[in-house]
Amino acid sequence: MVGEELSRLVSWGERHRRLLARLSIVLAATFVVDVLGTVAIYFAERHAASTEITSFGDAFFFTTVQLLTVSSQIRNPFTTWGRIADIGLELWGVLFVAGSTGAVAAFFLQAD
């Protein structure tokens, strides 16, 4: 069983190219969303009272962690625009990043 799955990984067929293309698109789009989210969070939160997001690095950390885990060491945004951006990041993380896991699972479930 393990040997069969490993042999699927070392062969390089059309299915591999399709999987790589799909994952590359998701990765590139997520990078763009990360950058745009960082800018949005930074400008929405940098002057808010009681915020922990005071620099571009803080905003980048918060945005990246929100995309990957829907959690952060930094408290949730305080401004309305910051909260809207945060919800958008969480939706992206759940729908697109986690959804790419399904593409990988489908790759292994398909018969050759």
Protein backbone atom coordinates (compact mmCIF):
# COMPACT_ATOMS: atom_id res chain seq x y z
CA MET A 1 0.00 0.00 0.00
CA VAL A 2 2.72 2.50 0.93
CA GLY A 3 4.86 1.40 -2.01
CA GLU A 4 1.95 1.98 -4.37
CA GLU A 5 1.46 5.53 -3.13
CA LEU A 6 5.19 6.25 -3.36
CA SER A 7 5.26 4.99 -6.94
CA ARG A 8 2.51 7.51 -7.77
CA LEU A 9 4.72 10.29 -6.48
CA VAL A 10 7.81 9.39 -8.48
CA SER A 11 6.02 9.02 -11.80
CA TRP A 12 5.44 12.29 -13.63
CA GLY A 13 2.29 12.17 -15.75
CA GLU A 14 -0.50 14.46 -16.82
CA ARG A 15 -2.19 14.13 -13.42
CA HIS A 16 0.99 15.41 -11.74
CA ARG A 17 1.14 18.42 -14.04
CA ARG A 18 -2.53 19.25 -13.38
CA LEU A 19 -2.06 18.97 -9.63
CA LEU A 20 1.07 21.13 -9.71
CA ALA A 21 -0.73 23.72 -11.86
CA ARG A 22 -3.70 23.88 -9.49
CA LEU A 23 -1.54 24.17 -6.40
CA SER A 24 0.67 26.80 -8.07
CA ILE A 25 -2.37 28.92 -8.90
CA VAL A 26 -3.67 28.66 -5.33
CA LEU A 27 -0.22 29.51 -3.93
CA ALA A 28 0.23 32.53 -6.22
CA ALA A 29 -3.29 33.81 -5.55
CA THR A 30 -2.81 33.35 -1.81
CA PHE A 31 0.44 35.34 -1.96
CA VAL A 32 -1.44 38.19 -3.67
CA VAL A 33 -4.22 38.02 -1.06
CA ASP A 34 -1.57 38.02 1.69
CA VAL A 35 0.05 41.19 0.34
CA LEU A 36 -3.28 42.95 -0.23
CA GLY A 37 -4.53 41.86 3.19
CA THR A 38 -1.34 43.10 4.82
CA VAL A 39 -1.78 46.53 3.25
CA ALA A 40 -5.47 46.65 4.20
CA ILE A 41 -4.88 45.57 7.80
CA TYR A 42 -1.94 47.94 8.21
CA PHE A 43 -3.80 51.01 6.99
CA ALA A 44 -6.98 50.11 8.89
CA GLU A 45 -5.32 49.31 12.21
CA ARG A 46 -2.09 51.32 12.50
CA HIS A 47 -3.68 54.28 14.33
CA ALA A 48 -6.48 52.41 16.12
CA ALA A 49 -6.60 52.63 19.88
CA SER A 50 -5.37 49.54 21.75
CA THR A 51 -4.12 47.83 18.60
CA GLU A 52 -1.07 45.60 18.48
CA ILE A 53 -0.63 46.19 14.75
CA THR A 54 1.65 49.21 14.65
CA SER A 55 4.05 48.30 11.84
CA PHE A 56 3.91 46.73 8.41
CA GLY A 57 5.67 43.67 9.86
CA ASP A 58 2.94 43.27 12.49
CA ALA A 59 0.30 43.49 9.77
CA PHE A 60 2.14 40.93 7.62
CA PHE A 61 2.46 38.54 10.57
CA PHE A 62 -1.21 38.91 11.48
CA THR A 63 -2.38 38.47 7.88
CA THR A 64 -0.21 35.43 7.19
CA VAL A 65 -1.21 33.72 10.42
CA GLN A 66 -4.88 34.43 9.72
CA LEU A 67 -4.56 32.82 6.28
CA LEU A 68 -2.82 29.75 7.65
CA THR A 69 -4.56 29.10 10.96
CA VAL A 70 -7.46 31.52 11.49
CA SER A 71 -5.78 32.38 14.74
CA SER A 72 -3.10 34.73 15.94
CA GLN A 73 -1.16 35.94 18.94
CA ILE A 74 -2.25 39.44 17.98
CA ARG A 75 -5.72 40.48 19.09
CA ASN A 76 -8.46 40.79 16.47
CA PRO A 77 -8.74 44.09 14.58
CA PHE A 78 -10.57 46.99 16.25
CA THR A 79 -11.69 49.02 13.23
CA THR A 80 -14.61 48.16 11.00
CA TRP A 81 -12.39 47.98 7.90
CA GLY A 82 -9.88 45.85 9.75
CA ARG A 83 -12.61 43.42 10.76
CA ILE A 84 -13.94 43.25 7.21
CA ALA A 85 -10.44 42.50 5.94
CA ASP A 86 -10.00 39.87 8.66
CA ILE A 87 -13.23 38.10 7.70
CA GLY A 88 -12.12 38.13 4.05
CA LEU A 89 -8.80 36.58 5.02
CA GLU A 90 -10.49 33.88 7.05
CA LEU A 91 -12.89 33.07 4.21
CA TRP A 92 -10.00 32.85 1.76
CA GLY A 93 -8.10 30.59 4.13
CA VAL A 94 -11.00 28.22 4.58
CA LEU A 95 -12.30 28.13 1.01
CA PHE A 96 -9.13 28.23 -1.07
CA VAL A 97 -6.12 27.24 0.97
CA ALA A 98 -7.85 24.42 2.83
CA GLY A 99 -9.70 23.48 -0.36
CA SER A 100 -6.39 22.78 -2.08
CA THR A 101 -6.03 19.88 0.32
CA GLY A 102 -8.93 18.31 -1.52
CA ALA A 103 -6.99 18.51 -4.79
CA VAL A 104 -4.13 16.60 -3.20
CA ALA A 105 -6.50 14.00 -1.74
CA ALA A 106 -8.25 13.59 -5.10
CA PHE A 107 -4.87 13.04 -6.73
CA PHE A 108 -4.20 10.05 -4.50
CA LEU A 109 -7.74 8.67 -4.83
CA GLN A 110 -7.81 8.64 -8.64
CA ALA A 111 -6.93 5.41 -10.32
CA ASP A 112 -4.16 5.56 -12.89
